[in-house]
Amino acid sequence: VQLQASGGGLVEAGGSLTISCAASGNRFIPNMMGWYRQAPGKQREMVAQLIRAGPTNYLDSVKGRFTISRDNANYVLYLQMNSLKPEDTGVYYCRFLVGRRDYWGQGTLVTVSS
């Protein structure tokens, strides 16, 4: 499984951005699909995740502003981000858990200016 994240960029505070993660490889059913981010000088943190046959989880600070979704037919994961804040700045990584294997995309940079 290979993951390719895209869609990052520079946006003003209050703006919106949608990033995506395209998965390729043999057919698979992920147990978890998620977005993580890492701000400069900080640890990587979970932003949003879809659990197979389970809940959708969000980081408290993004609840009500971010929405994670998937396109099953095309194996694409999305993160719609609204009302962006400067503290949302960071490199966003997609992550899939397939069986016991843990796959990460290369990251896409999101910069929110004040």
C-alpha atoms as a PDB file:
ATOM      1  CA  VAL A   1       0.000   0.000   0.000  1.00  0.00           C
ATOM      2  CA  GLN A   2       1.296   3.414  -0.959  1.00  0.00           C
ATOM      3  CA  LEU A   3      -0.223   6.654   0.275  1.00  0.00           C
ATOM      4  CA  GLN A   4       0.099   9.985  -1.490  1.00  0.00           C
ATOM      5  CA  ALA A   5      -1.088  13.072   0.355  1.00  0.00           C
ATOM      6  CA  SER A   6      -1.784  16.307  -1.477  1.00  0.00           C
ATOM      7  CA  GLY A   7      -3.699  19.560  -1.309  1.00  0.00           C
ATOM      8  CA  GLY A   8      -1.739  21.463   1.303  1.00  0.00           C
ATOM      9  CA  GLY A   9      -0.920  25.115   0.921  1.00  0.00           C
ATOM     10  CA  LEU A  10      -1.050  28.579   2.386  1.00  0.00           C
ATOM     11  CA  VAL A  11      -4.401  29.874   3.597  1.00  0.00           C
ATOM     12  CA  GLU A  12      -5.490  32.833   5.680  1.00  0.00           C
ATOM     13  CA  ALA A  13      -6.991  32.351   9.109  1.00  0.00           C
ATOM     14  CA  GLY A  14     -10.703  31.675   8.812  1.00  0.00           C
ATOM     15  CA  GLY A  15     -10.272  30.070   5.431  1.00  0.00           C
ATOM     16  CA  SER A  16     -10.853  26.528   4.257  1.00  0.00           C
ATOM     17  CA  LEU A  17      -8.777  23.817   2.689  1.00  0.00           C
ATOM     18  CA  THR A  18      -9.333  20.198   1.737  1.00  0.00           C
ATOM     19  CA  ILE A  19      -6.450  17.760   1.661  1.00  0.00           C
ATOM     20  CA  SER A  20      -6.571  14.286   0.223  1.00  0.00           C
ATOM     21  CA  CYS A  21      -4.715  11.010   0.448  1.00  0.00           C
ATOM     22  CA  ALA A  22      -4.764   8.607  -2.462  1.00  0.00           C
ATOM     23  CA  ALA A  23      -4.028   4.976  -1.732  1.00  0.00           C
ATOM     24  CA  SER A  24      -2.672   2.507  -4.248  1.00  0.00           C
ATOM     25  CA  GLY A  25      -1.665  -1.113  -4.143  1.00  0.00           C
ATOM     26  CA  ASN A  26      -3.418  -4.397  -3.840  1.00  0.00           C
ATOM     27  CA  ARG A  27      -7.001  -4.437  -2.684  1.00  0.00           C
ATOM     28  CA  PHE A  28      -7.226  -3.985   1.045  1.00  0.00           C
ATOM     29  CA  ILE A  29      -9.628  -3.058   3.795  1.00  0.00           C
ATOM     30  CA  PRO A  30      -8.108  -0.686   6.316  1.00  0.00           C
ATOM     31  CA  ASN A  31      -8.948  -1.111   9.975  1.00  0.00           C
ATOM     32  CA  MET A  32      -8.233   2.573  10.454  1.00  0.00           C
ATOM     33  CA  MET A  33      -7.768   5.555   8.158  1.00  0.00           C
ATOM     34  CA  GLY A  34      -6.645   8.802   9.671  1.00  0.00           C
ATOM     35  CA  TRP A  35      -4.982  12.164   9.496  1.00  0.00           C
ATOM     36  CA  TYR A  36      -2.202  13.235  11.808  1.00  0.00           C
ATOM     37  CA  ARG A  37      -0.246  16.454  11.946  1.00  0.00           C
ATOM     38  CA  GLN A  38       3.041  17.690  13.246  1.00  0.00           C
ATOM     39  CA  ALA A  39       3.648  21.333  14.011  1.00  0.00           C
ATOM     40  CA  PRO A  40       7.188  22.723  14.184  1.00  0.00           C
ATOM     41  CA  GLY A  41       8.827  21.697  17.430  1.00  0.00           C
ATOM     42  CA  LYS A  42       5.882  19.564  18.509  1.00  0.00           C
ATOM     43  CA  GLN A  43       5.024  15.890  18.530  1.00  0.00           C
ATOM     44  CA  ARG A  44       2.821  14.360  15.898  1.00  0.00           C
ATOM     45  CA  GLU A  45      -0.814  14.209  16.952  1.00  0.00           C
ATOM     46  CA  MET A  46      -3.970  12.551  15.739  1.00  0.00           C
ATOM     47  CA  VAL A  47      -6.329  14.971  14.023  1.00  0.00           C
ATOM     48  CA  ALA A  48      -9.093  12.685  12.767  1.00  0.00           C
ATOM     49  CA  GLN A  49      -9.577   8.995  12.210  1.00  0.00           C
ATOM     50  CA  LEU A  50     -12.134   6.587  10.818  1.00  0.00           C
ATOM     51  CA  ILE A  51     -12.275   3.270  12.605  1.00  0.00           C
ATOM     52  CA  ARG A  52     -13.677   0.330  10.667  1.00  0.00           C
ATOM     53  CA  ALA A  53     -17.019  -0.566  12.222  1.00  0.00           C
ATOM     54  CA  GLY A  54     -16.242   1.956  14.914  1.00  0.00           C
ATOM     55  CA  PRO A  55     -16.400   5.623  15.795  1.00  0.00           C
ATOM     56  CA  THR A  56     -15.017   8.633  14.006  1.00  0.00           C
ATOM     57  CA  ASN A  57     -12.591  10.421  16.268  1.00  0.00           C
ATOM     58  CA  TYR A  58     -11.400  14.009  16.203  1.00  0.00           C
ATOM     59  CA  LEU A  59      -8.860  16.019  18.105  1.00  0.00           C
ATOM     60  CA  ASP A  60     -10.839  18.224  20.477  1.00  0.00           C
ATOM     61  CA  SER A  61      -9.480  21.439  19.000  1.00  0.00           C
ATOM     62  CA  VAL A  62     -10.745  20.598  15.493  1.00  0.00           C
ATOM     63  CA  LYS A  63     -14.195  19.287  16.376  1.00  0.00           C
ATOM     64  CA  GLY A  64     -16.862  21.164  14.474  1.00  0.00           C
ATOM     65  CA  ARG A  65     -14.305  22.586  12.026  1.00  0.00           C
ATOM     66  CA  PHE A  66     -12.736  19.538  10.358  1.00  0.00           C
ATOM     67  CA  THR A  67     -14.464  16.627   8.640  1.00  0.00           C
ATOM     68  CA  ILE A  68     -12.829  13.375   7.632  1.00  0.00           C
ATOM     69  CA  SER A  69     -14.369  11.375   4.805  1.00  0.00           C
ATOM     70  CA  ARG A  70     -13.512   8.663   2.333  1.00  0.00           C
ATOM     71  CA  ASP A  71     -14.207   7.709  -1.249  1.00  0.00           C
ATOM     72  CA  ASN A  72     -14.364   3.946  -1.117  1.00  0.00           C
ATOM     73  CA  ALA A  73     -14.507   3.471  -4.854  1.00  0.00           C
ATOM     74  CA  ASN A  74     -11.267   5.327  -5.463  1.00  0.00           C
ATOM     75  CA  TYR A  75      -9.453   4.646  -2.180  1.00  0.00           C
ATOM     76  CA  VAL A  76      -9.145   8.310  -1.335  1.00  0.00           C
ATOM     77  CA  LEU A  77      -9.247   9.827   2.135  1.00  0.00           C
ATOM     78  CA  TYR A  78     -10.150  13.485   2.621  1.00  0.00           C
ATOM     79  CA  LEU A  79      -9.883  16.047   5.363  1.00  0.00           C
ATOM     80  CA  GLN A  80     -12.027  19.129   4.929  1.00  0.00           C
ATOM     81  CA  MET A  81     -10.765  21.925   7.135  1.00  0.00           C
ATOM     82  CA  ASN A  82     -12.871  25.006   7.809  1.00  0.00           C
ATOM     83  CA  SER A  83     -12.347  28.048  10.012  1.00  0.00           C
ATOM     84  CA  LEU A  84      -8.639  27.419   9.973  1.00  0.00           C
ATOM     85  CA  LYS A  85      -6.471  28.901  12.703  1.00  0.00           C
ATOM     86  CA  PRO A  86      -2.744  29.623  12.777  1.00  0.00           C
ATOM     87  CA  GLU A  87      -2.351  26.807  15.303  1.00  0.00           C
ATOM     88  CA  ASP A  88      -3.561  24.371  12.631  1.00  0.00           C
ATOM     89  CA  THR A  89      -0.290  24.938  10.811  1.00  0.00           C
ATOM     90  CA  GLY A  90       1.766  21.809  10.321  1.00  0.00           C
ATOM     91  CA  VAL A  91       2.597  18.888   8.116  1.00  0.00           C
ATOM     92  CA  TYR A  92      -0.432  16.653   7.710  1.00  0.00           C
ATOM     93  CA  TYR A  93       0.106  12.932   7.267  1.00  0.00           C
ATOM     94  CA  CYS A  94      -2.365  10.268   6.302  1.00  0.00           C
ATOM     95  CA  ARG A  95      -2.136   6.891   7.952  1.00  0.00           C
ATOM     96  CA  PHE A  96      -3.762   3.545   7.170  1.00  0.00           C
ATOM     97  CA  LEU A  97      -3.722   0.483   9.392  1.00  0.00           C
ATOM     98  CA  VAL A  98      -4.178  -2.640   7.288  1.00  0.00           C
ATOM     99  CA  GLY A  99      -4.068  -5.774   9.366  1.00  0.00           C
ATOM    100  CA  ARG A 100      -0.854  -5.501  11.350  1.00  0.00           C
ATOM    101  CA  ARG A 101       0.764  -3.122   8.889  1.00  0.00           C
ATOM    102  CA  ASP A 102       1.062   0.604   9.470  1.00  0.00           C
ATOM    103  CA  TYR A 103       1.300   2.840   6.390  1.00  0.00           C
ATOM    104  CA  TRP A 104       2.046   6.571   6.321  1.00  0.00           C
ATOM    105  CA  GLY A 105       1.896   9.079   3.517  1.00  0.00           C
ATOM    106  CA  GLN A 106       4.705  11.535   2.938  1.00  0.00           C
ATOM    107  CA  GLY A 107       2.878  14.544   4.386  1.00  0.00           C
ATOM    108  CA  THR A 108       1.476  17.729   2.982  1.00  0.00           C
ATOM    109  CA  LEU A 109       2.225  21.140   4.492  1.00  0.00           C
ATOM    110  CA  VAL A 110      -0.627  23.345   5.638  1.00  0.00           C
ATOM    111  CA  THR A 111       0.255  26.899   6.627  1.00  0.00           C
ATOM    112  CA  VAL A 112      -2.361  29.182   8.136  1.00  0.00           C
ATOM    113  CA  SER A 113      -1.433  32.855   8.242  1.00  0.00           C
ATOM    114  CA  SER A 114      -2.816  35.220  10.852  1.00  0.00           C
END
